């Protein structure tokens, strides 16, 4: 998302922007969005796994 914001600022998005100039930035936005979801899901798995371990641990 940060990459898309930088791209949008550099490209100065306007009415005459074509798919050829907008496509890479949009693809970067989608990749960032998907990777954020992957990280969130993996974090949820780690949290869930931590809750279901032995609670009688001495640590």
PDB file of N, CA and C in Angstrom:
ATOM      1  N   UNK A   1       0.822  -1.190   0.000  1.00  0.00           N
ATOM      2  CA  UNK A   1       0.000   0.000   0.000  1.00  0.00           C
ATOM      3  C   UNK A   1       0.868   1.256   0.000  1.00  0.00           C
ATOM      4  N   UNK A   2       1.956   1.188   0.719  1.00  0.00           N
ATOM      5  CA  UNK A   2       2.875   2.322   0.723  1.00  0.00           C
ATOM      6  C   UNK A   2       3.462   2.509  -0.671  1.00  0.00           C
ATOM      7  N   UNK A   3       3.794   1.388  -1.315  1.00  0.00           N
ATOM      8  CA  UNK A   3       4.307   1.461  -2.681  1.00  0.00           C
ATOM      9  C   UNK A   3       3.305   2.081  -3.638  1.00  0.00           C
ATOM     10  N   UNK A   4       2.033   1.746  -3.479  1.00  0.00           N
ATOM     11  CA  UNK A   4       1.007   2.329  -4.338  1.00  0.00           C
ATOM     12  C   UNK A   4       0.863   3.822  -4.082  1.00  0.00           C
ATOM     13  N   UNK A   5       0.961   4.231  -2.823  1.00  0.00           N
ATOM     14  CA  UNK A   5       0.865   5.655  -2.504  1.00  0.00           C
ATOM     15  C   UNK A   5       2.020   6.430  -3.131  1.00  0.00           C
ATOM     16  N   UNK A   6       3.209   5.859  -3.081  1.00  0.00           N
ATOM     17  CA  UNK A   6       4.365   6.512  -3.706  1.00  0.00           C
ATOM     18  C   UNK A   6       4.179   6.575  -5.214  1.00  0.00           C
ATOM     19  N   UNK A   7       3.697   5.465  -5.800  1.00  0.00           N
ATOM     20  CA  UNK A   7       3.447   5.444  -7.240  1.00  0.00           C
ATOM     21  C   UNK A   7       2.415   6.504  -7.631  1.00  0.00           C
ATOM     22  N   UNK A   8       1.332   6.595  -6.880  1.00  0.00           N
ATOM     23  CA  UNK A   8       0.280   7.556  -7.197  1.00  0.00           C
ATOM     24  C   UNK A   8       0.796   8.984  -7.089  1.00  0.00           C
ATOM     25  N   UNK A   9       1.652   9.236  -6.102  1.00  0.00           N
ATOM     26  CA  UNK A   9       2.214  10.574  -5.950  1.00  0.00           C
ATOM     27  C   UNK A   9       3.156  10.901  -7.102  1.00  0.00           C
ATOM     28  N   UNK A  10       3.966   9.941  -7.502  1.00  0.00           N
ATOM     29  CA  UNK A  10       4.901  10.166  -8.606  1.00  0.00           C
ATOM     30  C   UNK A  10       4.177  10.308  -9.942  1.00  0.00           C
ATOM     31  N   UNK A  11       3.125   9.522 -10.145  1.00  0.00           N
ATOM     32  CA  UNK A  11       2.422   9.529 -11.425  1.00  0.00           C
ATOM     33  C   UNK A  11       1.428  10.676 -11.532  1.00  0.00           C
ATOM     34  N   UNK A  12       1.074  11.268 -10.403  1.00  0.00           N
ATOM     35  CA  UNK A  12       0.077  12.352 -10.402  1.00  0.00           C
ATOM     36  C   UNK A  12      -1.174  11.914 -11.158  1.00  0.00           C
ATOM     37  N   UNK A  13      -1.875  10.951 -10.570  1.00  0.00           N
ATOM     38  CA  UNK A  13      -3.053  10.359 -11.205  1.00  0.00           C
ATOM     39  C   UNK A  13      -4.025  11.444 -11.661  1.00  0.00           C
ATOM     40  N   UNK A  14      -4.420  11.363 -12.922  1.00  0.00           N
ATOM     41  CA  UNK A  14      -5.345  12.334 -13.493  1.00  0.00           C
ATOM     42  C   UNK A  14      -6.338  11.620 -14.394  1.00  0.00           C
ATOM     43  N   UNK A  15      -7.213  12.398 -15.041  1.00  0.00           N
ATOM     44  CA  UNK A  15      -8.257  11.833 -15.885  1.00  0.00           C
ATOM     45  C   UNK A  15      -7.689  11.135 -17.119  1.00  0.00           C
ATOM     46  N   UNK A  16      -6.557  11.581 -17.623  1.00  0.00           N
ATOM     47  CA  UNK A  16      -6.020  11.024 -18.864  1.00  0.00           C
ATOM     48  C   UNK A  16      -5.055   9.856 -18.639  1.00  0.00           C
ATOM     49  N   UNK A  17      -5.063   9.288 -17.465  1.00  0.00           N
ATOM     50  CA  UNK A  17      -4.167   8.177 -17.167  1.00  0.00           C
ATOM     51  C   UNK A  17      -4.672   6.904 -17.845  1.00  0.00           C
ATOM     52  N   UNK A  18      -3.784   6.204 -18.511  1.00  0.00           N
ATOM     53  CA  UNK A  18      -4.167   4.995 -19.237  1.00  0.00           C
ATOM     54  C   UNK A  18      -3.858   3.755 -18.407  1.00  0.00           C
ATOM     55  N   UNK A  19      -4.355   2.628 -18.859  1.00  0.00           N
ATOM     56  CA  UNK A  19      -4.117   1.364 -18.165  1.00  0.00           C
ATOM     57  C   UNK A  19      -2.630   1.034 -18.149  1.00  0.00           C
ATOM     58  N   UNK A  20      -1.924   1.386 -19.197  1.00  0.00           N
ATOM     59  CA  UNK A  20      -0.497   1.071 -19.285  1.00  0.00           C
ATOM     60  C   UNK A  20       0.302   1.751 -18.177  1.00  0.00           C
ATOM     61  N   UNK A  21      -0.087   2.956 -17.782  1.00  0.00           N
ATOM     62  CA  UNK A  21       0.641   3.653 -16.723  1.00  0.00           C
ATOM     63  C   UNK A  21       0.074   3.337 -15.356  1.00  0.00           C
ATOM     64  N   UNK A  22      -1.170   2.951 -15.284  1.00  0.00           N
ATOM     65  CA  UNK A  22      -1.811   2.683 -14.003  1.00  0.00           C
ATOM     66  C   UNK A  22      -1.645   1.234 -13.575  1.00  0.00           C
ATOM     67  N   UNK A  23      -1.485   0.315 -14.520  1.00  0.00           N
ATOM     68  CA  UNK A  23      -1.437  -1.115 -14.243  1.00  0.00           C
ATOM     69  C   UNK A  23      -0.400  -1.558 -13.229  1.00  0.00           C
ATOM     70  N   UNK A  24       0.867  -1.153 -13.367  1.00  0.00           N
ATOM     71  CA  UNK A  24       1.875  -1.607 -12.410  1.00  0.00           C
ATOM     72  C   UNK A  24       1.591  -1.160 -10.979  1.00  0.00           C
ATOM     73  N   UNK A  25       1.123   0.041 -10.810  1.00  0.00           N
ATOM     74  CA  UNK A  25       0.801   0.523  -9.465  1.00  0.00           C
ATOM     75  C   UNK A  25      -0.367  -0.229  -8.857  1.00  0.00           C
ATOM     76  N   UNK A  26      -1.367  -0.522  -9.682  1.00  0.00           N
ATOM     77  CA  UNK A  26      -2.518  -1.276  -9.197  1.00  0.00           C
ATOM     78  C   UNK A  26      -2.106  -2.696  -8.826  1.00  0.00           C
ATOM     79  N   UNK A  27      -1.255  -3.301  -9.642  1.00  0.00           N
ATOM     80  CA  UNK A  27      -0.759  -4.646  -9.339  1.00  0.00           C
ATOM     81  C   UNK A  27       0.029  -4.647  -8.033  1.00  0.00           C
ATOM     82  N   UNK A  28       0.826  -3.617  -7.816  1.00  0.00           N
ATOM     83  CA  UNK A  28       1.582  -3.501  -6.579  1.00  0.00           C
ATOM     84  C   UNK A  28       0.649  -3.387  -5.381  1.00  0.00           C
ATOM     85  N   UNK A  29      -0.430  -2.653  -5.540  1.00  0.00           N
ATOM     86  CA  UNK A  29      -1.416  -2.506  -4.471  1.00  0.00           C
ATOM     87  C   UNK A  29      -2.051  -3.850  -4.140  1.00  0.00           C
ATOM     88  N   UNK A  30      -2.403  -4.624  -5.156  1.00  0.00           N
ATOM     89  CA  UNK A  30      -3.024  -5.928  -4.941  1.00  0.00           C
ATOM     90  C   UNK A  30      -2.047  -6.879  -4.255  1.00  0.00           C
ATOM     91  N   UNK A  31      -0.792  -6.882  -4.690  1.00  0.00           N
ATOM     92  CA  UNK A  31       0.216  -7.747  -4.070  1.00  0.00           C
ATOM     93  C   UNK A  31       0.418  -7.369  -2.604  1.00  0.00           C
ATOM     94  N   UNK A  32       0.464  -6.073  -2.315  1.00  0.00           N
ATOM     95  CA  UNK A  32       0.621  -5.631  -0.925  1.00  0.00           C
ATOM     96  C   UNK A  32      -0.578  -6.048  -0.084  1.00  0.00           C
ATOM     97  N   UNK A  33      -1.773  -5.942  -0.642  1.00  0.00           N
ATOM     98  CA  UNK A  33      -2.990  -6.317   0.078  1.00  0.00           C
ATOM     99  C   UNK A  33      -2.994  -7.817   0.379  1.00  0.00           C
ATOM    100  N   UNK A  34      -2.639  -8.618  -0.613  1.00  0.00           N
ATOM    101  CA  UNK A  34      -2.606 -10.070  -0.415  1.00  0.00           C
ATOM    102  C   UNK A  34      -1.541 -10.472   0.603  1.00  0.00           C
ATOM    103  N   UNK A  35      -0.377  -9.854   0.526  1.00  0.00           N
ATOM    104  CA  UNK A  35       0.680 -10.206   1.474  1.00  0.00           C
ATOM    105  C   UNK A  35       0.311  -9.784   2.893  1.00  0.00           C
ATOM    106  N   UNK A  36      -0.417  -8.689   3.043  1.00  0.00           N
ATOM    107  CA  UNK A  36      -0.883  -8.279   4.369  1.00  0.00           C
ATOM    108  C   UNK A  36      -1.839  -9.314   4.944  1.00  0.00           C
ATOM    109  N   UNK A  37      -2.715  -9.862   4.115  1.00  0.00           N
ATOM    110  CA  UNK A  37      -3.631 -10.906   4.577  1.00  0.00           C
ATOM    111  C   UNK A  37      -2.872 -12.171   4.954  1.00  0.00           C
ATOM    112  N   UNK A  38      -1.866 -12.535   4.184  1.00  0.00           N
ATOM    113  CA  UNK A  38      -1.073 -13.728   4.504  1.00  0.00           C
ATOM    114  C   UNK A  38      -0.393 -13.559   5.858  1.00  0.00           C
ATOM    115  N   UNK A  39       0.190 -12.405   6.101  1.00  0.00           N
ATOM    116  CA  UNK A  39       0.850 -12.147   7.376  1.00  0.00           C
ATOM    117  C   UNK A  39      -0.163 -12.182   8.516  1.00  0.00           C
ATOM    118  N   UNK A  40      -1.338 -11.598   8.315  1.00  0.00           N
ATOM    119  CA  UNK A  40      -2.368 -11.598   9.357  1.00  0.00           C
ATOM    120  C   UNK A  40      -2.841 -13.015   9.673  1.00  0.00           C
ATOM    121  N   UNK A  41      -3.028 -13.828   8.655  1.00  0.00           N
ATOM    122  CA  UNK A  41      -3.473 -15.213   8.868  1.00  0.00           C
ATOM    123  C   UNK A  41      -2.398 -16.017   9.594  1.00  0.00           C
ATOM    124  N   UNK A  42      -1.144 -15.859   9.177  1.00  0.00           N
ATOM    125  CA  UNK A  42      -0.058 -16.568   9.859  1.00  0.00           C
ATOM    126  C   UNK A  42       0.056 -16.131  11.316  1.00  0.00           C
ATOM    127  N   UNK A  43      -0.133 -14.852  11.577  1.00  0.00           N
ATOM    128  CA  UNK A  43      -0.105 -14.354  12.945  1.00  0.00           C
ATOM    129  C   UNK A  43      -1.241 -14.969  13.755  1.00  0.00           C
ATOM    130  N   UNK A  44      -2.416 -15.085  13.161  1.00  0.00           N
ATOM    131  CA  UNK A  44      -3.543 -15.716  13.845  1.00  0.00           C
ATOM    132  C   UNK A  44      -3.270 -17.171  14.170  1.00  0.00           C
ATOM    133  N   UNK A  45      -2.616 -17.876  13.258  1.00  0.00           N
ATOM    134  CA  UNK A  45      -2.267 -19.276  13.506  1.00  0.00           C
ATOM    135  C   UNK A  45      -1.294 -19.382  14.676  1.00  0.00           C
ATOM    136  N   UNK A  46      -0.306 -18.503  14.715  1.00  0.00           N
ATOM    137  CA  UNK A  46       0.666 -18.516  15.808  1.00  0.00           C
ATOM    138  C   UNK A  46      -0.024 -18.223  17.136  1.00  0.00           C
ATOM    139  N   UNK A  47      -0.909 -17.257  17.165  1.00  0.00           N
ATOM    140  CA  UNK A  47      -1.628 -16.921  18.398  1.00  0.00           C
ATOM    141  C   UNK A  47      -2.503 -18.087  18.834  1.00  0.00           C
ATOM    142  N   UNK A  48      -3.225 -18.686  17.889  1.00  0.00           N
ATOM    143  CA  UNK A  48      -4.093 -19.816  18.221  1.00  0.00           C
ATOM    144  C   UNK A  48      -3.279 -21.003  18.718  1.00  0.00           C
ATOM    145  N   UNK A  49      -2.149 -21.277  18.085  1.00  0.00           N
ATOM    146  CA  UNK A  49      -1.293 -22.384  18.509  1.00  0.00           C
ATOM    147  C   UNK A  49      -0.730 -22.125  19.901  1.00  0.00           C
ATOM    148  N   UNK A  50      -0.434 -20.882  20.204  1.00  0.00           N
ATOM    149  CA  UNK A  50       0.076 -20.539  21.526  1.00  0.00           C
ATOM    150  C   UNK A  50      -0.966 -20.716  22.613  1.00  0.00           C
ATOM    151  N   UNK A  51      -2.220 -20.532  22.278  1.00  0.00           N
ATOM    152  CA  UNK A  51      -3.291 -20.691  23.268  1.00  0.00           C
ATOM    153  C   UNK A  51      -3.604 -22.148  23.543  1.00  0.00           C
ATOM    154  N   UNK A  52      -3.329 -23.014  22.592  1.00  0.00           N
ATOM    155  CA  UNK A  52      -3.715 -24.415  22.744  1.00  0.00           C
ATOM    156  C   UNK A  52      -2.570 -25.297  23.228  1.00  0.00           C
ATOM    157  N   UNK A  53      -1.449 -24.710  23.610  1.00  0.00           N
ATOM    158  CA  UNK A  53      -0.346 -25.515  24.131  1.00  0.00           C
ATOM    159  C   UNK A  53      -0.572 -25.789  25.609  1.00  0.00           C
ATOM    160  N   UNK A  54       0.325 -26.537  26.208  1.00  0.00           N
ATOM    161  CA  UNK A  54       0.221 -26.911  27.614  1.00  0.00           C
ATOM    162  C   UNK A  54       0.220 -25.667  28.499  1.00  0.00           C
ATOM    163  N   UNK A  55      -0.813 -25.512  29.328  1.00  0.00           N
ATOM    164  CA  UNK A  55      -0.912 -24.335  30.200  1.00  0.00           C
ATOM    165  C   UNK A  55      -0.204 -24.550  31.526  1.00  0.00           C
ATOM    166  N   UNK A  56       0.338 -25.739  31.778  1.00  0.00           N
ATOM    167  CA  UNK A  56       1.046 -26.020  33.023  1.00  0.00           C
ATOM    168  C   UNK A  56       2.540 -25.745  32.904  1.00  0.00           C
ATOM    169  N   UNK A  57       2.918 -24.979  31.906  1.00  0.00           N
ATOM    170  CA  UNK A  57       4.322 -24.677  31.692  1.00  0.00           C
ATOM    171  C   UNK A  57       4.850 -23.805  32.821  1.00  0.00           C
ATOM    172  N   UNK A  58       6.119 -23.959  33.164  1.00  0.00           N
ATOM    173  CA  UNK A  58       6.720 -23.170  34.241  1.00  0.00           C
ATOM    174  C   UNK A  58       7.298 -21.863  33.736  1.00  0.00           C
ATOM    175  N   UNK A  59       7.282 -21.644  32.446  1.00  0.00           N
ATOM    176  CA  UNK A  59       7.848 -20.414  31.882  1.00  0.00           C
ATOM    177  C   UNK A  59       6.781 -19.350  31.854  1.00  0.00           C
TER     178      UNK A  59
END
